Amino acid sequence: MSDPTDDDRPAWVRAWDDMVALVGTDLSDGQTRWGADVVEAGSIRRYAEPLELGSAIHHDEDAARADGHDGLVAPATSLLTFALPPMWRPGEPPLFDAEDRDAQPARSPINNENNGPVPRTAGFFATDLEMDFLRPVLAGERLGLRGRRLVACTPKETRVGRGAFMTIESEIVSDRGDVVARQRTSTYAYDPHLDGEATA
């Protein structure tokens, strides 16, 4: 009979154990991170234009009010763009501090710096996004992100490297004081394979 304390998993898998143990935990500090700008008519138009979203509630305030809204309505799929904080502010160092072909931004709202006990990895990318929309958002509101509940953390080796798929659940809130949407974002944080390493 084998010793239950034996752990023959690879070291890179064991490095994720502390994070896996936090599944179900809110990793945020409880603060709301407000979006860079207030939702405004020009931004709604610029979002709807390339997508050719022709519903009058996004373009004509009178039409929106006739439909029962108190002003222009932001497209539901635009809410995350209004909830994200700025990527860069005047006085901050450059967003990209390396010239490598696959250089990652030094900071990003997607790869939050308060990620919990995540092993340091060289790269990451988003894999999917799910959203539940609770009510229409109007021009003049300000949106923010609240909470970062870890829903899943699964170490996995893929063709690009070794790391873990993580799913985080957050709320999009309005400065009116309510929750307007909930989102679940999944990312893959990984170290690329070194030359000669086997791939999955």
Protein backbone atom coordinates (compact mmCIF):
# COMPACT_ATOMS: atom_id res chain seq x y z
CA MET A 1 0.00 0.00 0.00
CA SER A 2 1.42 3.38 -0.99
CA ASP A 3 2.15 6.16 1.49
CA PRO A 4 -0.69 8.73 1.21
CA THR A 5 1.86 11.50 1.80
CA ASP A 6 3.66 10.56 -1.42
CA ASP A 7 2.95 12.98 -4.24
CA ASP A 8 4.36 11.97 -7.58
CA ARG A 9 2.72 14.84 -9.45
CA PRO A 10 5.10 17.11 -11.38
CA ALA A 11 6.40 20.13 -9.46
CA TRP A 12 4.66 22.55 -11.84
CA VAL A 13 1.29 20.96 -10.98
CA ARG A 14 1.95 21.04 -7.22
CA ALA A 15 2.85 24.73 -7.54
CA TRP A 16 -0.85 25.43 -8.14
CA ASP A 17 -2.11 23.62 -4.99
CA ASP A 18 -2.49 26.80 -2.89
CA MET A 19 -4.59 28.39 -5.63
CA VAL A 20 -6.73 25.27 -6.14
CA ALA A 21 -7.43 25.30 -2.39
CA LEU A 22 -8.99 28.77 -2.74
CA VAL A 23 -11.73 27.73 -5.17
CA GLY A 24 -14.93 29.37 -3.88
CA THR A 25 -13.04 32.28 -2.28
CA ASP A 26 -13.39 35.98 -3.19
CA LEU A 27 -9.86 37.10 -4.05
CA SER A 28 -10.73 40.80 -4.11
CA ASP A 29 -10.24 43.35 -1.38
CA GLY A 30 -13.95 44.21 -1.47
CA GLN A 31 -13.41 47.46 -3.33
CA THR A 32 -15.16 48.39 -6.58
CA ARG A 33 -12.79 49.18 -9.45
CA TRP A 34 -14.57 51.88 -11.45
CA GLY A 35 -14.44 52.11 -15.23
CA ALA A 36 -12.32 54.72 -16.94
CA ASP A 37 -15.26 56.83 -18.14
CA VAL A 38 -18.97 57.45 -17.69
CA VAL A 39 -21.21 55.78 -20.26
CA GLU A 40 -21.95 58.50 -22.80
CA ALA A 41 -23.74 58.84 -26.12
CA GLY A 42 -20.61 59.15 -28.24
CA SER A 43 -19.09 55.96 -26.83
CA ILE A 44 -22.37 54.09 -27.36
CA ARG A 45 -22.39 55.24 -31.00
CA ARG A 46 -18.76 54.27 -31.57
CA TYR A 47 -19.43 50.83 -30.10
CA ALA A 48 -22.64 50.24 -32.09
CA GLU A 49 -21.36 51.63 -35.40
CA PRO A 50 -18.85 48.93 -36.48
CA LEU A 51 -21.25 46.22 -35.31
CA GLU A 52 -24.13 47.90 -37.19
CA LEU A 53 -26.43 47.61 -34.17
CA GLY A 54 -29.43 49.42 -35.58
CA SER A 55 -31.84 49.39 -32.64
CA ALA A 56 -33.09 52.93 -32.13
CA ILE A 57 -32.72 52.70 -28.33
CA HIS A 58 -28.93 52.97 -28.83
CA HIS A 59 -29.07 56.00 -31.16
CA ASP A 60 -32.20 58.05 -30.50
CA GLU A 61 -33.06 59.23 -26.98
CA ASP A 62 -36.70 59.92 -27.90
CA ALA A 63 -37.04 56.38 -29.26
CA ALA A 64 -35.44 54.97 -26.12
CA ARG A 65 -37.87 56.91 -23.91
CA ALA A 66 -40.80 55.80 -26.06
CA ASP A 67 -39.64 52.23 -25.40
CA GLY A 68 -39.80 52.85 -21.64
CA HIS A 69 -36.19 53.76 -20.86
CA ASP A 70 -34.98 56.93 -19.15
CA GLY A 71 -32.34 57.67 -21.79
CA LEU A 72 -30.05 56.12 -24.39
CA VAL A 73 -29.37 52.44 -23.71
CA ALA A 74 -25.85 50.98 -23.91
CA PRO A 75 -25.68 47.70 -25.83
CA ALA A 76 -25.53 44.87 -23.33
CA THR A 77 -22.32 43.52 -24.86
CA SER A 78 -20.60 46.88 -24.27
CA LEU A 79 -20.91 46.84 -20.48
CA LEU A 80 -17.49 45.31 -19.83
CA THR A 81 -15.79 47.99 -21.92
CA PHE A 82 -17.34 50.67 -19.71
CA ALA A 83 -16.52 48.77 -16.49
CA LEU A 84 -12.80 48.28 -17.14
CA PRO A 85 -10.35 50.72 -15.55
CA PRO A 86 -7.86 52.47 -17.84
CA MET A 87 -4.93 50.42 -19.12
CA TRP A 88 -2.60 53.44 -18.80
CA ARG A 89 -2.70 56.83 -17.08
CA PRO A 90 -0.50 59.91 -17.62
CA GLY A 91 2.67 59.60 -15.54
CA GLU A 92 2.67 55.79 -15.50
CA PRO A 93 5.48 53.80 -17.15
CA PRO A 94 4.87 52.33 -20.62
CA LEU A 95 2.31 49.55 -20.83
CA PHE A 96 4.68 47.35 -22.82
CA ASP A 97 8.18 47.32 -21.33
CA ALA A 98 9.71 44.68 -23.63
CA GLU A 99 10.17 44.46 -27.38
CA ASP A 100 9.85 40.68 -27.63
CA ARG A 101 7.55 39.31 -30.31
CA ASP A 102 5.20 37.78 -27.74
CA ALA A 103 5.62 40.49 -25.10
CA GLN A 104 2.78 40.79 -22.60
CA PRO A 105 1.53 44.10 -21.17
CA ALA A 106 3.17 44.95 -17.86
CA ARG A 107 -0.30 45.32 -16.31
CA SER A 108 -3.82 44.57 -17.42
CA PRO A 109 -7.34 44.52 -15.92
CA ILE A 110 -7.58 40.91 -17.16
CA ASN A 111 -4.41 39.70 -15.44
CA ASN A 112 -5.13 41.28 -12.06
CA GLU A 113 -2.06 41.82 -9.86
CA ASN A 114 -3.96 40.54 -6.79
CA ASN A 115 -4.48 37.06 -8.19
CA GLY A 116 -3.83 35.21 -4.95
CA PRO A 117 -1.07 32.58 -4.67
CA VAL A 118 -0.75 32.10 -8.42
CA PRO A 119 2.69 30.84 -9.47
CA ARG A 120 4.56 33.44 -11.50
CA THR A 121 4.01 32.68 -15.18
CA ALA A 122 5.34 34.21 -18.38
CA GLY A 123 2.07 34.49 -20.30
CA PHE A 124 -1.69 34.42 -20.15
CA PHE A 125 -4.70 34.79 -22.40
CA ALA A 126 -8.46 34.85 -21.98
CA THR A 127 -10.24 31.68 -23.08
CA ASP A 128 -13.92 32.54 -22.65
CA LEU A 129 -16.38 34.99 -21.13
CA GLU A 130 -19.96 34.42 -19.91
CA MET A 131 -22.29 37.22 -18.83
CA ASP A 132 -25.76 37.50 -17.27
CA PHE A 133 -27.39 40.89 -17.94
CA LEU A 134 -29.75 42.03 -15.19
CA ARG A 135 -30.99 45.40 -16.46
CA PRO A 136 -30.33 47.94 -19.24
CA VAL A 137 -27.58 50.50 -18.59
CA LEU A 138 -28.17 54.11 -19.63
CA ALA A 139 -25.97 56.96 -20.79
CA GLY A 140 -24.81 58.93 -17.76
CA GLU A 141 -24.14 55.93 -15.51
CA ARG A 142 -20.69 54.87 -14.38
CA LEU A 143 -19.88 51.18 -14.16
CA GLY A 144 -17.32 49.24 -12.16
CA LEU A 145 -16.20 45.71 -11.34
CA ARG A 146 -16.72 44.23 -7.87
CA GLY A 147 -15.57 40.91 -6.46
CA ARG A 148 -13.26 38.23 -7.86
CA ARG A 149 -14.61 34.86 -6.72
CA LEU A 150 -12.44 31.97 -7.88
CA VAL A 151 -14.84 29.47 -9.43
CA ALA A 152 -12.29 26.99 -10.81
CA CYS A 153 -8.54 26.42 -11.06
CA THR A 154 -7.37 23.47 -13.17
CA PRO A 155 -3.66 22.88 -13.85
CA LYS A 156 -3.12 21.59 -17.37
CA GLU A 157 -0.35 21.13 -19.90
CA THR A 158 -1.32 22.30 -23.38
CA ARG A 159 0.46 22.79 -26.69
CA VAL A 160 1.55 26.29 -25.64
CA GLY A 161 2.92 25.41 -22.21
CA ARG A 162 2.24 24.37 -18.62
CA GLY A 163 -0.11 26.32 -16.39
CA ALA A 164 -3.70 26.45 -15.22
CA PHE A 165 -7.12 27.43 -16.47
CA MET A 166 -8.82 29.74 -13.96
CA THR A 167 -12.39 31.04 -13.87
CA ILE A 168 -13.23 34.21 -11.94
CA GLU A 169 -16.77 35.52 -11.26
CA SER A 170 -17.34 39.27 -10.79
CA GLU A 171 -20.24 41.71 -10.69
CA ILE A 172 -20.65 44.78 -12.87
CA VAL A 173 -22.15 47.48 -10.69
CA SER A 174 -23.55 50.94 -11.40
CA ASP A 175 -22.96 54.14 -9.47
CA ARG A 176 -26.72 53.98 -8.89
CA GLY A 177 -25.89 51.28 -6.32
CA ASP A 178 -27.11 48.09 -8.01
CA VAL A 179 -25.69 45.10 -9.88
CA VAL A 180 -26.34 45.36 -13.63
CA ALA A 181 -24.57 42.19 -14.78
CA ARG A 182 -22.52 39.22 -13.63
CA GLN A 183 -19.57 37.86 -15.54
CA ARG A 184 -17.41 34.75 -15.47
CA THR A 185 -14.01 35.14 -17.12
CA SER A 186 -11.69 32.23 -17.82
CA THR A 187 -7.98 32.64 -18.51
CA TYR A 188 -5.00 30.37 -19.06
CA ALA A 189 -1.82 31.42 -17.21
CA TYR A 190 1.21 29.43 -18.35
CA ASP A 191 4.94 29.11 -18.91
CA PRO A 192 5.78 28.35 -22.56
CA HIS A 193 7.43 25.04 -23.37
CA LEU A 194 11.21 25.14 -23.52
CA ASP A 195 12.93 23.81 -26.62
CA GLY A 196 12.84 20.04 -26.59
CA GLU A 197 10.00 19.69 -24.10
CA ALA A 198 7.14 17.36 -24.95
CA THR A 199 3.77 18.93 -25.70
CA ALA A 200 0.32 17.67 -24.82
